[in-house]
Protein backbone atom coordinates (compact mmCIF):
# COMPACT_ATOMS: atom_id res chain seq x y z
CA MET A 1 -18.03 -25.87 -117.25
CA HIS A 2 -20.14 -26.11 -120.56
CA ARG A 3 -23.25 -24.95 -118.97
CA ARG A 4 -21.42 -21.74 -117.77
CA LEU A 5 -19.68 -21.32 -121.14
CA ALA A 6 -23.00 -21.50 -122.77
CA ALA A 7 -24.83 -19.11 -120.30
CA ALA A 8 -22.24 -16.55 -121.09
CA ALA A 9 -22.30 -16.96 -124.69
CA LEU A 10 -26.04 -16.37 -124.87
CA LEU A 11 -25.52 -13.33 -122.33
CA LEU A 12 -23.08 -11.78 -124.97
CA LEU A 13 -25.27 -12.46 -127.71
CA ALA A 14 -28.29 -11.09 -125.93
CA THR A 15 -26.37 -7.83 -124.76
CA PRO A 16 -26.41 -5.98 -128.11
CA PHE A 17 -30.05 -6.64 -128.71
CA ALA A 18 -30.99 -5.53 -125.15
CA ARG A 19 -29.01 -1.98 -125.59
CA ALA A 20 -30.44 -1.47 -129.20
CA ALA A 21 -33.91 -1.88 -127.49
CA TYR A 22 -33.48 1.55 -125.89
CA SER A 23 -33.55 4.79 -128.25
CA PRO A 24 -34.27 8.27 -127.38
CA ALA A 25 -35.82 8.88 -130.54
CA THR A 26 -39.69 10.00 -130.02
CA ALA A 27 -42.55 11.60 -131.42
CA ASN A 28 -42.94 14.09 -128.62
CA GLY A 29 -40.09 15.58 -126.60
CA TRP A 30 -39.14 18.65 -124.91
CA PHE A 31 -36.02 20.93 -124.31
CA ILE A 32 -36.65 22.39 -121.04
CA THR A 33 -35.44 25.85 -121.84
CA ALA A 34 -34.88 27.62 -125.02
CA GLY A 35 -35.05 31.34 -126.44
CA ARG A 36 -33.28 34.29 -126.80
CA VAL A 37 -32.55 36.32 -123.58
CA ALA A 38 -30.50 38.98 -122.11
CA GLY A 39 -28.04 37.56 -119.64
CA LEU A 40 -25.77 39.49 -116.66
CA GLY A 41 -22.82 41.50 -118.06
CA GLY A 42 -24.51 42.13 -121.50
CA ALA A 43 -24.72 38.79 -122.52
CA LEU A 44 -27.11 37.52 -125.02
CA PHE A 45 -28.29 33.91 -124.97
CA ARG A 46 -29.63 32.36 -127.86
CA THR A 47 -30.70 28.76 -128.90
CA ASP A 48 -29.56 26.51 -131.65
CA VAL A 49 -31.34 23.06 -132.47
CA TRP A 50 -30.71 20.14 -134.43
CA LEU A 51 -33.11 17.55 -135.49
CA PHE A 52 -32.33 14.23 -136.66
CA ASN A 53 -34.67 11.41 -138.52
CA PRO A 54 -33.35 8.24 -137.77
CA ASP A 55 -35.75 6.24 -140.06
CA ASP A 56 -34.13 4.54 -142.93
CA SER A 57 -36.72 5.01 -145.51
CA ALA A 58 -39.58 7.36 -144.36
CA THR A 59 -39.70 10.97 -144.02
CA ALA A 60 -40.61 12.82 -140.63
CA THR A 61 -42.84 15.86 -140.47
CA VAL A 62 -41.98 17.64 -137.30
CA THR A 63 -43.45 20.96 -135.61
CA LEU A 64 -41.78 23.01 -132.78
CA VAL A 65 -43.81 24.61 -130.37
CA LEU A 66 -42.43 27.21 -127.78
CA HIS A 67 -44.35 27.60 -124.57
CA PRO A 68 -43.40 30.90 -123.24
CA ALA A 69 -42.46 31.10 -119.38
CA VAL A 70 -44.91 32.11 -117.02
CA SER A 71 -44.75 32.92 -113.33
CA THR A 72 -46.03 30.64 -110.38
CA GLY A 73 -49.86 30.32 -110.51
CA GLN A 74 -50.42 32.05 -113.79
CA PRO A 75 -52.18 30.34 -116.63
CA ALA A 76 -50.34 29.03 -119.67
CA GLY A 77 -49.21 31.87 -122.11
CA SER A 78 -50.00 31.42 -125.71
CA PRO A 79 -47.69 28.91 -127.56
CA VAL A 80 -45.61 29.86 -130.66
CA ALA A 81 -45.24 27.41 -133.50
CA SER A 82 -43.17 26.80 -136.27
CA ASP A 83 -44.23 25.65 -139.94
CA PRO A 84 -44.07 22.07 -140.19
CA ILE A 85 -40.57 20.68 -140.99
CA VAL A 86 -40.11 17.87 -143.31
CA LEU A 87 -37.04 15.78 -142.64
CA ALA A 88 -35.80 13.15 -145.04
CA PRO A 89 -34.68 9.62 -144.06
CA ARG A 90 -31.74 9.83 -141.98
CA GLU A 91 -31.55 13.55 -142.61
CA THR A 92 -30.02 16.01 -139.76
CA ARG A 93 -31.31 19.49 -140.08
CA PHE A 94 -29.76 22.65 -138.26
CA PHE A 95 -31.98 25.53 -137.03
CA PRO A 96 -29.80 28.47 -135.76
CA ASP A 97 -31.53 30.97 -132.99
CA VAL A 98 -34.41 28.72 -133.34
CA THR A 99 -36.80 30.97 -131.68
CA MET A 100 -36.07 33.94 -134.09
CA GLU A 101 -35.64 32.20 -137.31
CA THR A 102 -37.85 29.20 -137.02
CA VAL A 103 -40.26 29.61 -134.18
CA PRO A 104 -41.37 33.11 -134.49
CA ALA A 105 -41.41 34.11 -130.70
CA GLY A 106 -39.16 37.05 -130.99
CA ASP A 107 -36.24 38.60 -129.19
CA GLY A 108 -36.60 38.60 -125.27
CA VAL A 109 -38.74 35.57 -124.98
CA VAL A 110 -37.81 32.18 -123.31
CA GLY A 111 -39.80 29.14 -122.67
CA THR A 112 -40.04 25.51 -122.88
CA LEU A 113 -39.54 24.01 -126.51
CA GLU A 114 -41.45 21.03 -127.28
CA TRP A 115 -41.37 19.00 -130.83
CA GLN A 116 -44.45 17.12 -132.00
CA SER A 117 -43.89 14.54 -134.67
CA ALA A 118 -45.59 12.10 -136.76
CA SER A 119 -42.78 9.54 -136.30
CA PRO A 120 -40.05 9.36 -133.85
CA ILE A 121 -37.00 11.79 -134.01
CA MET A 122 -33.93 12.74 -132.40
CA ALA A 123 -33.03 16.19 -131.13
CA SER A 124 -30.36 18.43 -129.31
CA ALA A 125 -29.85 21.97 -128.69
CA ARG A 126 -27.07 24.38 -127.57
CA ILE A 127 -27.53 27.64 -125.43
CA TYR A 128 -25.09 30.29 -125.65
CA THR A 129 -23.72 33.49 -125.80
CA PHE A 130 -21.40 35.55 -127.85
CA THR A 131 -18.31 37.32 -126.40
CA PRO A 132 -15.49 39.27 -127.83
CA THR A 133 -13.36 36.08 -127.25
CA GLY A 134 -15.98 33.53 -128.70
CA THR A 135 -19.07 31.72 -127.68
CA TYR A 136 -19.69 30.10 -124.26
CA GLY A 137 -22.62 27.73 -123.27
CA PHE A 138 -23.81 24.46 -123.06
CA PHE A 139 -25.58 21.42 -124.71
CA LEU A 140 -29.07 20.15 -123.88
CA ALA A 141 -30.42 16.84 -125.09
CA GLY A 142 -33.97 16.50 -126.21
CA ILE A 143 -36.27 14.70 -123.41
CA PRO A 144 -39.06 12.45 -124.42
CA GLN A 145 -42.25 13.35 -122.91
CA SER A 146 -42.43 9.89 -121.11
CA GLU A 147 -39.31 10.80 -119.14
CA SER A 148 -41.25 13.52 -117.04
CA LEU A 149 -41.53 12.72 -113.64
CA THR A 150 -44.99 12.02 -111.99
CA ALA A 151 -46.24 12.76 -108.49
CA LYS A 152 -44.52 11.60 -105.17
CA SER A 153 -46.37 8.45 -103.90
CA SER A 154 -46.24 10.03 -100.50
CA SER A 155 -45.03 13.07 -98.62
CA ASP A 156 -42.00 11.20 -97.49
CA ASP A 157 -41.12 9.86 -100.84
CA ASP A 158 -37.40 10.77 -101.82
CA VAL A 159 -37.27 8.26 -104.61
CA HIS A 160 -39.59 10.12 -107.20
CA VAL A 161 -37.43 13.32 -107.09
CA LEU A 162 -35.44 14.79 -109.60
CA GLN A 163 -31.92 15.34 -108.12
CA MET A 164 -29.61 18.30 -109.11
CA TYR A 165 -26.07 18.25 -107.17
CA GLY A 166 -23.86 19.45 -110.07
CA VAL A 167 -23.86 23.25 -109.26
CA ASN A 168 -20.71 25.46 -108.21
CA SER A 169 -22.06 26.19 -104.69
CA GLY A 170 -19.15 27.19 -102.82
CA ASP A 171 -17.70 29.81 -105.25
CA ALA A 172 -18.71 33.34 -105.59
CA ASN A 173 -17.72 33.39 -109.08
CA PHE A 174 -20.65 31.30 -110.17
CA ARG A 175 -24.55 31.53 -110.02
CA THR A 176 -27.04 29.01 -110.34
CA ASN A 177 -30.64 29.32 -112.10
CA LEU A 178 -33.22 26.65 -111.72
CA ASP A 179 -35.86 26.18 -114.68
CA LEU A 180 -39.01 23.87 -114.24
CA ALA A 181 -40.99 22.68 -117.24
CA ASN A 182 -44.37 21.39 -117.10
CA THR A 183 -45.04 18.97 -119.95
CA SER A 184 -48.44 17.87 -119.00
CA GLY A 185 -51.80 19.13 -119.84
CA VAL A 186 -52.57 20.00 -116.34
CA ALA A 187 -51.07 22.47 -113.65
CA LEU A 188 -48.61 21.12 -111.29
CA PRO A 189 -47.93 21.58 -107.67
CA VAL A 190 -44.04 21.32 -107.39
CA GLU A 191 -41.86 21.60 -104.37
CA VAL A 192 -38.23 22.68 -104.45
CA ARG A 193 -35.44 22.24 -101.60
CA VAL A 194 -31.96 23.23 -101.35
CA ILE A 195 -30.18 20.61 -99.17
CA ASP A 196 -27.19 20.77 -97.30
CA PRO A 197 -24.63 18.14 -98.06
CA VAL A 198 -23.62 17.04 -94.50
CA THR A 199 -26.69 17.90 -92.30
CA SER A 200 -29.66 17.43 -94.95
CA LEU A 201 -30.93 20.72 -93.45
CA VAL A 202 -33.36 22.43 -96.01
CA TYR A 203 -32.48 25.79 -96.57
CA GLY A 204 -35.50 28.09 -96.25
CA GLY A 205 -37.75 25.07 -96.02
CA ALA A 206 -39.64 23.60 -99.20
CA GLN A 207 -40.43 26.09 -101.70
CA THR A 208 -43.59 25.49 -103.61
CA TYR A 209 -44.99 26.80 -106.91
CA SER A 210 -47.72 26.10 -109.22
CA ILE A 211 -46.71 25.66 -112.80
CA ALA A 212 -49.43 26.00 -115.79
CA PRO A 213 -49.97 23.02 -118.34
CA GLY A 214 -47.25 23.13 -120.86
CA SER A 215 -45.29 25.91 -119.26
CA LEU A 216 -41.91 26.86 -118.14
CA LEU A 217 -41.31 28.41 -114.58
CA ARG A 218 -38.04 30.24 -114.41
CA VAL A 219 -37.35 30.13 -110.42
CA GLY A 220 -34.07 32.08 -110.94
CA GLN A 221 -31.13 31.94 -108.43
CA ILE A 222 -32.68 29.55 -106.06
CA LEU A 223 -29.59 29.25 -103.72
CA GLU A 224 -29.79 33.09 -102.76
CA SER A 225 -33.45 33.10 -102.80
CA VAL A 226 -33.41 30.52 -100.07
CA GLY A 227 -30.54 31.95 -98.18
CA ALA A 228 -28.35 29.03 -98.51
CA PRO A 229 -24.72 29.37 -97.42
CA ARG A 230 -21.92 29.18 -99.80
CA ILE A 231 -20.59 25.79 -99.39
CA ASP A 232 -19.83 22.96 -101.57
CA GLY A 233 -22.09 20.29 -102.47
CA LEU A 234 -25.33 21.98 -102.29
CA ARG A 235 -28.11 19.74 -103.67
CA ILE A 236 -31.28 21.01 -105.50
CA THR A 237 -34.26 18.54 -105.65
CA ALA A 238 -37.75 19.25 -107.52
CA ALA A 239 -40.72 17.03 -107.21
CA VAL A 240 -44.31 16.82 -108.00
CA ALA A 241 -46.41 17.01 -104.71
CA ALA A 242 -48.00 13.87 -103.65
CA GLY A 243 -51.52 13.45 -104.45
CA ALA A 244 -51.48 15.44 -107.83
CA SER A 245 -53.06 13.60 -110.70
CA VAL A 246 -50.73 13.67 -113.63
CA PRO A 247 -52.58 11.95 -116.58
CA SER A 248 -49.63 12.35 -119.07
CA GLY A 249 -46.22 14.02 -119.02
CA GLY A 250 -45.00 15.54 -116.09
CA LEU A 251 -41.89 17.67 -114.39
CA LEU A 252 -38.68 18.17 -116.05
CA ALA A 253 -35.95 20.43 -114.13
CA ALA A 254 -32.27 21.73 -114.97
CA ALA A 255 -29.98 23.89 -112.88
CA TYR A 256 -27.88 26.17 -114.79
CA THR A 257 -24.40 27.45 -113.64
CA ALA A 258 -22.91 30.39 -115.35
CA ASP A 259 -19.47 31.81 -114.63
CA ASN A 260 -20.29 35.66 -113.52
CA ARG A 261 -16.72 36.50 -115.25
CA THR A 262 -17.04 34.95 -118.75
CA GLN A 263 -20.99 34.21 -118.85
CA ASP A 264 -19.71 30.47 -119.84
CA ALA A 265 -22.38 28.06 -118.16
CA PHE A 266 -23.21 24.58 -117.88
CA ALA A 267 -26.65 22.53 -117.44
CA PHE A 268 -27.31 19.87 -114.80
CA VAL A 269 -30.58 18.35 -115.91
CA GLY A 270 -32.54 17.01 -112.80
CA GLN A 271 -31.93 13.14 -112.56
CA ARG A 272 -34.50 10.61 -111.44
CA GLN A 273 -33.60 7.45 -109.26
CA SER A 274 -36.46 5.32 -110.49
CA GLN A 275 -39.32 5.03 -113.18
């Protein structure tokens, strides 16, 4: 009995330390999508960003870099960088309409937004649109580059795959757009599948793309493009093809579902089963 109590006490003492060991603070991270771009129905989506320096005593110097969207097989576009941003210890800074005010990319430009810092920081963003009745949109967490997905171990590897299953696939009032971000320094061969929830049928077969280094590929309305039926529970997967060499970084993905009536939207960031 005493041994069990001692073990339980040790576990309770160890748990806070184990949890504290993890932090999303990183010197290099990405927002899958950012920009200022027109949507359906006259909507204009913009991006606000928050940066937080978690250090108690040291300043952090951060640069934001927008990598413009490209089509499959195209070379990377010219990145657009902010001036250095200095964050005091424990300071939070807010950057409204970031690709117009802070990163001078201009109107109508969308891409993947990277931060580079001399020390770890934390970052969050909101993509939203104005309407006569208010603002509608979604939150995006900044993702450490180390969380990017590398290549599948084999052609039938179904573990090293990004899963996006939170879409309104059975309702005509909603549309789903897919964005793929390459955070690596090499072109990535990427496979995308839309999968039936019951039969596991892949509608339209595997869709293949080549994404330039450090770039965003806007796949668009993937459910319609593969001819998927309007049924609940469709799942989207994205993966780097087996055999690809990825020295660092890799693939990030998000499915954005928007309400055609209000332009309100939510993001479903691709989730991975395993490291």
